[in-house]
Protein backbone atom coordinates (compact mmCIF):
# COMPACT_ATOMS: atom_id res chain seq x y z
CA MET A 1 -44.97 83.48 3.63
CA LYS A 2 -43.30 86.58 5.09
CA SER A 3 -39.69 86.73 5.05
CA ASN A 4 -39.74 87.02 8.81
CA GLU A 5 -41.68 84.06 9.98
CA LYS A 6 -40.08 81.04 11.61
CA ILE A 7 -39.70 77.57 9.44
CA PRO A 8 -40.78 74.89 11.38
CA ARG A 9 -38.28 72.54 12.88
CA LYS A 10 -39.53 69.54 11.35
CA LEU A 11 -38.84 70.81 7.99
CA LYS A 12 -35.37 72.06 8.90
CA LYS A 13 -32.91 69.91 6.92
CA THR A 14 -30.04 68.59 9.10
CA ALA A 15 -26.49 68.47 7.16
CA ILE A 16 -25.08 64.76 6.31
CA ASP A 17 -20.93 64.23 7.80
CA TRP A 18 -19.77 62.14 5.30
CA ARG A 19 -16.32 61.93 6.08
CA GLU A 20 -17.65 60.77 9.67
CA MET A 21 -20.23 58.68 8.17
CA HIS A 22 -17.53 56.91 5.82
CA SER A 23 -15.12 56.82 9.15
CA ARG A 24 -18.24 54.99 10.91
CA LEU A 25 -18.32 52.32 8.10
CA LYS A 26 -14.71 52.13 7.76
CA THR A 27 -14.78 50.87 11.49
CA VAL A 28 -17.41 48.83 11.13
CA ASP A 29 -15.92 46.91 7.89
CA ASN A 30 -12.80 46.25 10.30
CA ALA A 31 -14.61 45.16 12.92
CA ILE A 32 -16.40 42.48 10.58
CA GLN A 33 -13.54 41.61 9.15
CA HIS A 34 -11.53 40.99 12.89
CA ILE A 35 -14.40 38.37 13.64
CA LEU A 36 -14.55 36.80 10.42
CA LYS A 37 -10.68 36.55 10.26
CA PRO A 38 -9.06 33.14 11.79
CA GLY A 39 -6.57 33.28 14.73
CA LEU A 40 -2.94 32.31 14.34
CA GLU A 41 -3.75 29.28 16.27
CA GLU A 42 -6.57 28.25 13.64
CA THR A 43 -4.46 29.06 11.14
CA LYS A 44 -1.76 27.29 11.95
CA ARG A 45 -4.65 24.13 12.32
CA ILE A 46 -6.11 24.49 9.09
CA LEU A 47 -2.54 24.94 7.37
CA LYS A 48 -1.36 21.56 9.25
CA ALA A 49 -4.65 19.98 8.05
CA ARG A 50 -4.02 20.82 4.43
CA SER A 51 -0.77 19.36 5.18
CA GLU A 52 -1.44 16.19 6.22
CA ALA A 53 -4.18 16.01 3.07
CA LEU A 54 -1.74 16.56 1.08
CA ALA A 55 1.14 13.90 2.35
CA GLN A 56 -2.11 11.22 2.26
CA GLU A 57 -2.64 12.05 -1.32
CA SER A 58 0.87 11.61 -2.17
CA THR A 59 1.13 8.62 -0.18
CA ASN A 60 -1.54 6.88 -2.07
CA ALA A 61 -0.01 8.11 -5.40
CA LYS A 62 2.90 6.14 -4.73
CA ILE A 63 1.51 3.11 -3.40
CA ALA A 64 -0.60 2.83 -6.75
CA GLU A 65 2.58 3.89 -8.97
CA TYR A 66 5.09 1.21 -7.17
CA LEU A 67 4.48 -2.34 -5.81
CA GLU A 68 6.34 -3.36 -3.34
CA VAL A 69 8.33 -6.92 -3.43
CA VAL A 70 10.42 -9.79 -1.61
CA GLU A 71 12.87 -10.74 -4.61
CA PHE A 72 14.39 -14.15 -4.60
CA LEU A 73 16.04 -16.31 -6.69
CA LEU A 74 15.18 -20.04 -7.73
CA ALA A 75 17.09 -22.24 -10.35
CA LYS A 76 18.81 -19.08 -12.23
CA GLU A 77 15.34 -17.05 -12.13
CA THR A 78 14.03 -14.24 -10.24
CA TYR A 79 10.94 -14.40 -8.94
CA ALA A 80 9.34 -11.90 -6.33
CA ILE A 81 6.40 -11.71 -3.79
CA GLU A 82 4.50 -8.69 -2.57
CA SER A 83 5.68 -8.21 0.74
CA ARG A 84 2.24 -7.37 2.27
CA TYR A 85 1.98 -11.60 1.96
CA VAL A 86 5.36 -12.20 3.65
CA ARG A 87 5.22 -12.73 7.15
CA GLU A 88 9.12 -14.12 7.50
CA VAL A 89 12.26 -15.12 6.05
CA SER A 90 14.01 -17.95 7.22
CA PRO A 91 16.94 -20.65 6.68
CA LEU A 92 15.28 -23.90 6.11
CA GLU A 93 16.21 -26.11 9.15
CA ASN A 94 14.50 -29.49 10.12
CA LEU A 95 12.33 -30.36 7.47
CA THR A 96 10.23 -33.28 7.67
CA PRO A 97 9.32 -35.24 4.41
CA LEU A 98 5.47 -36.37 4.10
CA PRO A 99 4.37 -39.56 2.74
CA CYS A 100 1.17 -39.65 0.12
CA THR A 101 1.67 -36.21 -0.93
CA PRO A 102 1.89 -34.31 -4.30
CA ALA A 103 5.77 -34.12 -5.20
CA PHE A 104 5.11 -29.84 -4.73
CA VAL A 105 5.02 -30.54 -1.25
CA LEU A 106 8.24 -30.93 -0.10
CA GLY A 107 7.42 -31.68 3.40
CA ILE A 108 6.67 -29.77 6.75
CA VAL A 109 8.90 -27.59 9.10
CA ASN A 110 7.95 -26.33 12.94
CA VAL A 111 8.76 -23.10 13.03
CA ARG A 112 8.40 -21.29 16.85
CA GLY A 113 5.65 -23.90 17.85
CA GLU A 114 3.29 -23.64 14.35
CA ILE A 115 3.53 -26.34 11.81
CA PHE A 116 3.94 -25.21 8.33
CA SER A 117 3.82 -27.17 4.58
CA VAL A 118 6.71 -26.25 2.34
CA ILE A 119 6.38 -25.90 -1.50
CA ASP A 120 8.68 -26.21 -3.85
CA ILE A 121 6.91 -23.73 -6.45
CA LYS A 122 9.45 -24.79 -9.40
CA LYS A 123 7.47 -28.37 -9.15
CA PHE A 124 4.44 -27.17 -8.84
CA PHE A 125 4.44 -24.94 -11.80
CA ASP A 126 6.03 -28.28 -13.73
CA LEU A 127 8.74 -26.54 -14.54
CA PRO A 128 12.13 -28.32 -16.15
CA GLU A 129 14.58 -29.64 -13.49
CA LYS A 130 17.36 -27.42 -14.87
CA GLY A 131 20.23 -25.33 -12.82
CA ILE A 132 22.03 -26.20 -9.38
CA THR A 133 19.10 -25.24 -6.86
CA ASP A 134 20.02 -25.38 -2.92
CA LEU A 135 16.38 -24.61 -1.46
CA ASN A 136 17.78 -23.42 1.83
CA LYS A 137 15.82 -20.36 2.19
CA LEU A 138 12.49 -20.67 3.43
CA ILE A 139 9.55 -17.33 2.79
CA VAL A 140 6.61 -17.73 4.95
CA LEU A 141 3.22 -16.24 3.44
CA ASN A 142 0.63 -15.17 5.14
CA SER A 143 -2.98 -14.46 4.66
CA GLU A 144 -5.98 -14.55 6.89
CA ASN A 145 -7.20 -18.12 6.39
CA MET A 146 -3.72 -19.80 4.96
CA ARG A 147 -0.51 -19.85 6.26
CA PHE A 148 2.86 -21.83 4.28
CA GLY A 149 6.25 -21.80 3.13
CA ILE A 150 7.87 -21.25 -0.55
CA LEU A 151 11.76 -21.60 -0.85
CA ALA A 152 14.01 -20.19 -2.89
CA ASP A 153 17.83 -20.45 -3.33
CA ALA A 154 18.71 -17.00 -2.34
CA ILE A 155 16.81 -14.33 -1.15
CA VAL A 156 17.64 -10.79 -3.46
CA GLY A 157 16.16 -8.25 -0.99
CA VAL A 158 13.02 -5.90 -0.72
CA ARG A 159 12.42 -3.51 -3.48
CA HIS A 160 9.71 -0.92 -5.42
CA ILE A 161 9.07 -2.42 -8.75
CA GLN A 162 7.04 0.52 -11.05
CA VAL A 163 3.50 -0.83 -11.81
CA ALA A 164 4.01 0.61 -15.36
CA GLU A 165 7.30 -1.79 -15.51
CA ILE A 166 5.05 -4.46 -15.28
CA GLN A 167 4.28 -6.38 -18.25
CA SER A 168 1.41 -8.93 -18.20
CA SER A 169 2.88 -12.06 -19.68
CA LEU A 170 5.33 -13.14 -21.81
CA PRO A 171 5.38 -15.75 -24.02
CA THR A 172 7.98 -18.54 -22.61
CA LEU A 173 5.69 -18.20 -19.69
CA THR A 174 3.03 -20.60 -20.00
CA GLY A 175 1.15 -23.10 -18.49
CA ILE A 176 0.07 -23.51 -14.56
CA ARG A 177 2.87 -20.69 -14.16
CA GLU A 178 1.11 -18.53 -16.16
CA LYS A 179 -2.01 -18.56 -14.23
CA TYR A 180 -0.15 -17.92 -10.79
CA LEU A 181 1.54 -14.97 -12.64
CA LYS A 182 0.58 -10.92 -11.77
CA GLY A 183 3.51 -10.20 -14.48
CA VAL A 184 7.28 -9.48 -15.29
CA THR A 185 9.27 -6.81 -15.30
CA ALA A 186 11.52 -5.73 -18.31
CA GLY A 187 14.34 -7.03 -15.70
CA ARG A 188 12.98 -10.25 -16.25
CA THR A 189 11.80 -10.46 -12.50
CA ILE A 190 8.56 -12.85 -12.37
CA ILE A 191 5.93 -11.21 -10.24
CA LEU A 192 4.01 -14.31 -8.28
CA ASP A 193 0.22 -13.79 -7.75
CA THR A 194 0.63 -14.20 -4.77
CA GLU A 195 -3.66 -13.91 -3.64
CA LYS A 196 -4.25 -16.76 -5.82
CA LEU A 197 -1.28 -18.55 -4.80
CA ILE A 198 -2.61 -18.73 -1.48
CA ALA A 199 -6.00 -19.58 -2.35
CA CYS A 200 -4.95 -22.07 -4.38
CA GLU A 201 -6.54 -25.70 -2.49
CA LYS A 202 -3.97 -27.76 -3.62
CA ILE A 203 -1.71 -25.83 -0.84
CA ILE A 204 -1.99 -28.02 2.48
CA VAL A 205 -2.83 -25.70 5.05
CA GLN A 206 -0.76 -25.65 8.53
CA GLU A 207 -1.60 -27.28 11.56
CA GLN A 208 -1.22 -25.82 14.89
CA VAL A 209 1.20 -27.69 17.39
CA ASP A 210 -0.50 -28.25 20.85
CA GLY A 211 1.63 -27.56 23.90
C-alpha cells in the first residue's frame, strides 16, 4: 500500500477516554445505590420493628424465667397461687354453711350476684389442725369452666418467683397435697398447681343467682 493512500474510515481506531468512562460508571453506581438505599422514614420503620421484636423476645424470656404469684398465709405456712388464675381478693362476708357437703366445703358466698363455693384447702389437703387461723380472706379462683373461693388468714401480696428457684417437691409435703403441688421455693413458699386444683371434680362449681 502506498503511503499517500487513505485508510478506510471503518478501519480507523477510536481512542477511549477511560477517565470519562470511569466517571460515568461511578455516576451509574451512585444512582443504583440511591435507589436501593432506604429513605429516612423507612429506616425508622425498620429500626422500630427490630426494637419491638427484641422487646417481645425479652418479655417472653422474662415470662419463661419468672412466675407471678399471689402469696397468702394459712396456719403459719406460706402458700402461693399463680396470679393469672386469681379473679379477685376480698374479705370473707356472709358465709352460708351447706349441709351434706365434704368437710373442706365451708359453705357458699354471694359476691356481686354470683354464688361461689368456699373451700378450706387445709382440710382439702387433710392437714392436721394446728395454729390459730382466722380464715377471713377470700381468694376467688377463676377458669373457663370453674370458679370458687379458697380461704386464707392473710394476703402477703403479689410477687415474681424465679422458676429456677422452685423445687419440685419436699419429703415433708406428701399425701394429697403433693398431688396439687407445683413446687416449693427455698424460702418454703408452697406453690399450688392451680390448674389441677380447679380441674378437681371434688370442688363444687358455683351457681349463678337469678335476678
